[in-house]
Structures are given as C-alpha cells and as structure tokens.
Amino acid sequence: MSYATLLHLMPYETLSKTSRHLVISSAEDVDQILNPEINLVIWERSLHDSLFEYANLCVELPEGHRDHLRMNRRSQLPGESLFLEDVDKLQSIFQKLNGNKKIQIGLSRVTTVQCPLFHVDFVPIRLITTYVGIGTEWVEEEDCDRTHLGCGRNDHLVPDTSKIQRVAPGHVCLLKGEAYPGNRGYGAIHRSPIPDKPRLVLRMDCL
C-alpha cells in the first residue's frame, strides 16, 4: 500500500498545521517534540573524545568481538563507561517521553544505505543518534513537497538538494512519525545517508 493511499485512509486531525523543527542544547528541552507544532527536535550536544574513540573501536571490530564489548561492561577500555552511560541516559529520556512504556533499542553497524528515499516513519516518536559516520539527513518543511512522498523519486520530493541537512555525529534527533496522535500527514521527512565508512547508529522506538 502506497503512502498516498495510507494518508487517504487515515483522517487528518487538522489541515492548517505547519510542522517545523527545533534545535536544542539541553536534555531538559527534549519534551519539545511533544509540541503539536514540532515534528523534529535536534539535540546538539558535546561528547567526550574518548567516547567517540570507543565507538570507532566498536565499529571496526569483527562482529563477534563487537558483541563481546557490548556485553562485557568490565573491559575497562577508554571511553567505554561514557559510551554505555550515554546509551542508558538516552534510554531513560526516551522512556519518559513515551510515558515509561517499553522501548526497543538497536545499536547497529551500518555499511549500506538503509533508507535511501526521503520518507516518514509510521511510529509515534523515533530517536536516532549516529556515533560514527554520517548522520541522518532531513529537510525543512518548506523545502519539500509532501505530495511526492512514496513516489520513489527524491528529486521530486526535494527538488533542491542544497536544502538537505544532516545531523552531526553524537547529536540526537527525535522524529515524530505518522502514528503520533494528531500528526497524521506531518511526519518528519528524513532518510539514511550514503555512508563513506561504516556507521554506528543507535535507534530507539516505543513498542
């Protein structure tokens, strides 16, 4: 079923809404994603160099060794505790945003383009942060044409490629999806980048 068909079947909560993004610098402001007029929050933050060094080590190791590092919290590698604390912190924040419901967490080594087409997610809210490699790409509301969602042509949806923006490594993006109450037809438009090297991506969804 196409995106256009899904939108036709789902009643809109409002027809006059203008969704927009918001850039924040504090964890205290992440709840701005709950604002009906905002569909994307980007939390710009600074992380310690040793955390990124540990993340780069994880992404370069073979799969079996990488799993061992994730499971063994006593390896004492530089940056390990900071990395694990950051994941735990984001999990706590995301659970509170979703009313302490159960969430699904995925930490993945990505070497291919997972979602090359600009799209919206059919979830309430999704959290994504890229520790290694290129971050999620997104566009401002006024720089895209939603009528072309699902057509399979990025150049129709986003005619001016210079308007494509990218989330920096370590920054957190909270994307409001089509399943969020009152947000049908206004999900944040984004895509996965073409990786220039393996990426380490953390994603959280509410179950």
Protein backbone atom coordinates (compact mmCIF):
# COMPACT_ATOMS: atom_id res chain seq x y z
CA MET A 1 0.00 0.00 0.00
CA SER A 2 1.42 3.38 -1.00
CA TYR A 3 1.99 6.31 1.34
CA ALA A 4 -0.64 8.32 -0.53
CA THR A 5 -3.20 5.52 -0.03
CA LEU A 6 -2.39 5.31 3.68
CA LEU A 7 -2.89 9.03 4.12
CA HIS A 8 -6.19 8.84 2.26
CA LEU A 9 -7.39 6.15 4.66
CA MET A 10 -6.27 7.99 7.80
CA PRO A 11 -8.32 11.05 8.82
CA TYR A 12 -6.35 14.24 9.43
CA GLU A 13 -6.54 15.84 12.87
CA THR A 14 -6.00 19.29 11.34
CA LEU A 15 -5.46 20.78 7.89
CA SER A 16 -3.87 24.07 8.91
CA LYS A 17 -0.88 22.79 10.86
CA THR A 18 2.67 23.81 9.94
CA SER A 19 5.16 21.34 11.37
CA ARG A 20 8.70 22.51 11.94
CA HIS A 21 11.99 21.51 13.54
CA LEU A 22 13.65 22.81 16.67
CA VAL A 23 17.32 22.78 17.69
CA ILE A 24 18.01 22.45 21.42
CA SER A 25 21.17 22.29 23.54
CA SER A 26 19.86 20.73 26.74
CA ALA A 27 18.25 17.42 27.69
CA GLU A 28 15.66 19.43 29.60
CA ASP A 29 14.13 20.56 26.31
CA VAL A 30 13.68 17.18 24.60
CA ASP A 31 9.99 17.22 25.53
CA GLN A 32 9.53 19.92 22.89
CA ILE A 33 8.96 17.03 20.50
CA LEU A 34 5.57 16.71 22.20
CA ASN A 35 4.64 20.20 20.95
CA PRO A 36 1.90 19.79 18.29
CA GLU A 37 3.68 22.27 16.00
CA ILE A 38 7.05 20.47 16.05
CA ASN A 39 7.86 17.22 14.26
CA LEU A 40 11.65 17.14 14.59
CA VAL A 41 13.92 18.02 17.50
CA ILE A 42 17.70 18.05 17.11
CA TRP A 43 19.63 17.99 20.36
CA GLU A 44 23.09 19.39 19.73
CA ARG A 45 25.50 18.19 22.37
CA SER A 46 29.20 17.72 23.06
CA LEU A 47 30.55 14.27 23.90
CA HIS A 48 34.00 13.38 25.19
CA ASP A 49 36.60 12.35 22.61
CA SER A 50 37.18 9.05 24.40
CA LEU A 51 33.53 8.12 23.85
CA PHE A 52 33.94 8.57 20.09
CA GLU A 53 37.22 6.63 20.20
CA TYR A 54 35.43 3.71 21.86
CA ALA A 55 32.59 3.91 19.33
CA ASN A 56 35.09 3.84 16.47
CA LEU A 57 36.74 0.79 18.02
CA CYS A 58 33.39 -0.98 18.24
CA VAL A 59 32.50 -0.29 14.64
CA GLU A 60 35.86 -1.51 13.30
CA LEU A 61 35.95 -4.79 15.22
CA PRO A 62 34.64 -8.08 13.77
CA GLU A 63 31.05 -8.88 14.73
CA GLY A 64 31.89 -11.44 17.43
CA HIS A 65 34.37 -9.14 19.19
CA ARG A 66 31.94 -6.22 18.96
CA ASP A 67 29.20 -8.27 20.63
CA HIS A 68 31.64 -9.17 23.40
CA LEU A 69 32.39 -5.50 24.05
CA ARG A 70 28.69 -4.65 24.24
CA MET A 71 28.00 -7.49 26.67
CA ASN A 72 31.11 -7.14 28.85
CA ARG A 73 30.96 -3.93 30.87
CA ARG A 74 34.26 -4.66 32.60
CA SER A 75 36.69 -4.38 29.73
CA GLN A 76 37.93 -1.01 31.06
CA LEU A 77 38.58 0.31 27.57
CA PRO A 78 38.92 4.11 27.36
CA GLY A 79 35.53 5.70 26.76
CA GLU A 80 33.56 2.51 27.41
CA SER A 81 31.85 3.72 30.57
CA LEU A 82 30.99 7.06 28.94
CA PHE A 83 29.51 5.28 25.93
CA LEU A 84 27.38 2.91 28.00
CA GLU A 85 26.27 5.74 30.29
CA ASP A 86 25.21 7.74 27.25
CA VAL A 87 23.09 4.89 25.88
CA ASP A 88 21.50 4.39 29.30
CA LYS A 89 20.81 8.13 29.60
CA LEU A 90 19.13 8.28 26.19
CA GLN A 91 17.06 5.21 27.04
CA SER A 92 15.83 6.85 30.25
CA ILE A 93 14.99 10.09 28.45
CA PHE A 94 13.16 8.30 25.64
CA GLN A 95 11.14 6.14 28.02
CA LYS A 96 9.96 9.21 29.93
CA LEU A 97 8.92 10.87 26.67
CA ASN A 98 6.81 7.82 25.89
CA GLY A 99 5.13 7.54 29.28
CA ASN A 100 7.59 4.91 30.56
CA LYS A 101 6.38 2.36 28.03
CA LYS A 102 8.65 -0.43 26.85
CA ILE A 103 11.03 0.59 24.10
CA GLN A 104 13.09 -1.22 21.51
CA ILE A 105 16.78 -0.34 21.25
CA GLY A 106 19.02 -1.11 18.31
CA LEU A 107 22.75 -0.40 18.07
CA SER A 108 23.86 -1.25 14.57
CA ARG A 109 26.95 -1.19 12.40
CA VAL A 110 25.69 0.14 9.09
CA THR A 111 27.66 -0.25 5.86
CA THR A 112 24.91 0.23 3.26
CA VAL A 113 22.15 2.76 2.62
CA GLN A 114 19.21 1.51 4.69
CA CYS A 115 16.57 4.02 3.56
CA PRO A 116 17.84 5.97 0.52
CA LEU A 117 14.48 7.62 -0.17
CA PHE A 118 13.16 10.51 1.86
CA HIS A 119 10.25 9.19 3.88
CA VAL A 120 8.25 9.42 7.09
CA ASP A 121 8.05 6.79 9.81
CA PHE A 122 4.79 5.15 10.85
CA VAL A 123 5.72 5.25 14.52
CA PRO A 124 4.89 7.75 17.29
CA ILE A 125 8.42 9.04 18.01
CA ARG A 126 11.80 7.67 16.97
CA LEU A 127 15.19 8.54 18.48
CA ILE A 128 18.32 8.29 16.34
CA THR A 129 21.91 9.19 17.06
CA THR A 130 24.95 8.33 14.97
CA TYR A 131 28.14 7.83 16.96
CA VAL A 132 30.36 7.03 13.98
CA GLY A 133 29.96 8.16 10.37
CA ILE A 134 27.44 10.37 8.62
CA GLY A 135 24.26 11.27 10.46
CA THR A 136 20.60 11.21 9.41
CA GLU A 137 19.61 13.58 6.59
CA TRP A 138 16.45 15.69 6.77
CA VAL A 139 14.72 18.66 5.14
CA GLU A 140 12.80 21.69 6.31
CA GLU A 141 9.05 21.59 5.78
CA GLU A 142 9.16 24.41 3.24
CA ASP A 143 11.91 22.70 1.23
CA CYS A 144 9.95 19.57 0.33
CA ASP A 145 6.75 18.62 -1.45
CA ARG A 146 4.84 16.04 0.58
CA THR A 147 2.62 15.15 -2.36
CA HIS A 148 5.56 13.17 -3.76
CA LEU A 149 6.11 11.01 -0.67
CA GLY A 150 6.16 7.38 -1.72
CA CYS A 151 6.73 8.12 -5.42
CA GLY A 152 10.28 6.76 -5.34
CA ARG A 153 11.86 9.99 -6.60
CA ASN A 154 13.91 12.09 -4.19
CA ASP A 155 14.32 14.79 -6.83
CA HIS A 156 10.54 15.30 -6.92
CA LEU A 157 10.17 15.37 -3.17
CA VAL A 158 13.23 17.59 -2.59
CA PRO A 159 13.98 19.45 -5.86
CA ASP A 160 16.85 21.49 -4.42
CA THR A 161 19.48 19.14 -2.99
CA SER A 162 21.30 22.09 -1.37
CA LYS A 163 18.41 22.20 1.13
CA ILE A 164 19.23 18.74 2.50
CA GLN A 165 20.53 18.98 6.06
CA ARG A 166 22.43 16.46 8.16
CA VAL A 167 22.56 15.61 11.86
CA ALA A 168 26.13 15.72 13.19
CA PRO A 169 27.72 12.69 14.91
CA GLY A 170 26.75 12.49 18.57
CA HIS A 171 23.77 14.81 18.16
CA VAL A 172 20.36 13.31 18.82
CA CYS A 173 17.33 13.62 16.56
CA LEU A 174 13.81 12.92 17.74
CA LEU A 175 11.50 12.34 14.81
CA LYS A 176 7.75 12.50 15.18
CA GLY A 177 6.04 9.94 12.97
CA GLU A 178 2.64 9.44 11.41
CA ALA A 179 1.44 7.31 14.35
CA TYR A 180 1.83 10.12 16.88
CA PRO A 181 -1.64 11.38 17.92
CA GLY A 182 -2.66 14.36 15.80
CA ASN A 183 0.35 14.09 13.47
CA ARG A 184 -1.07 12.20 10.53
CA GLY A 185 0.24 13.74 7.35
CA TYR A 186 3.01 15.63 9.15
CA GLY A 187 5.68 13.04 9.99
CA ALA A 188 9.27 14.31 9.90
CA ILE A 189 10.80 13.76 6.45
CA HIS A 190 14.26 12.17 6.53
CA ARG A 191 16.49 9.47 5.04
CA SER A 192 19.65 7.47 5.68
CA PRO A 193 22.84 8.94 4.17
CA ILE A 194 25.18 7.22 1.75
CA PRO A 195 27.94 6.03 4.11
CA ASP A 196 31.54 6.94 3.36
CA LYS A 197 32.63 4.46 6.03
CA PRO A 198 30.88 2.08 8.47
CA ARG A 199 28.41 3.89 10.71
CA LEU A 200 27.45 3.13 14.32
CA VAL A 201 23.81 4.08 14.76
CA LEU A 202 21.62 3.93 17.86
CA ARG A 203 17.86 3.81 17.31
CA MET A 204 15.02 3.67 19.79
CA ASP A 205 11.32 3.03 19.19
CA CYS A 206 8.36 2.73 21.53
CA LEU A 207 6.81 -0.75 21.50
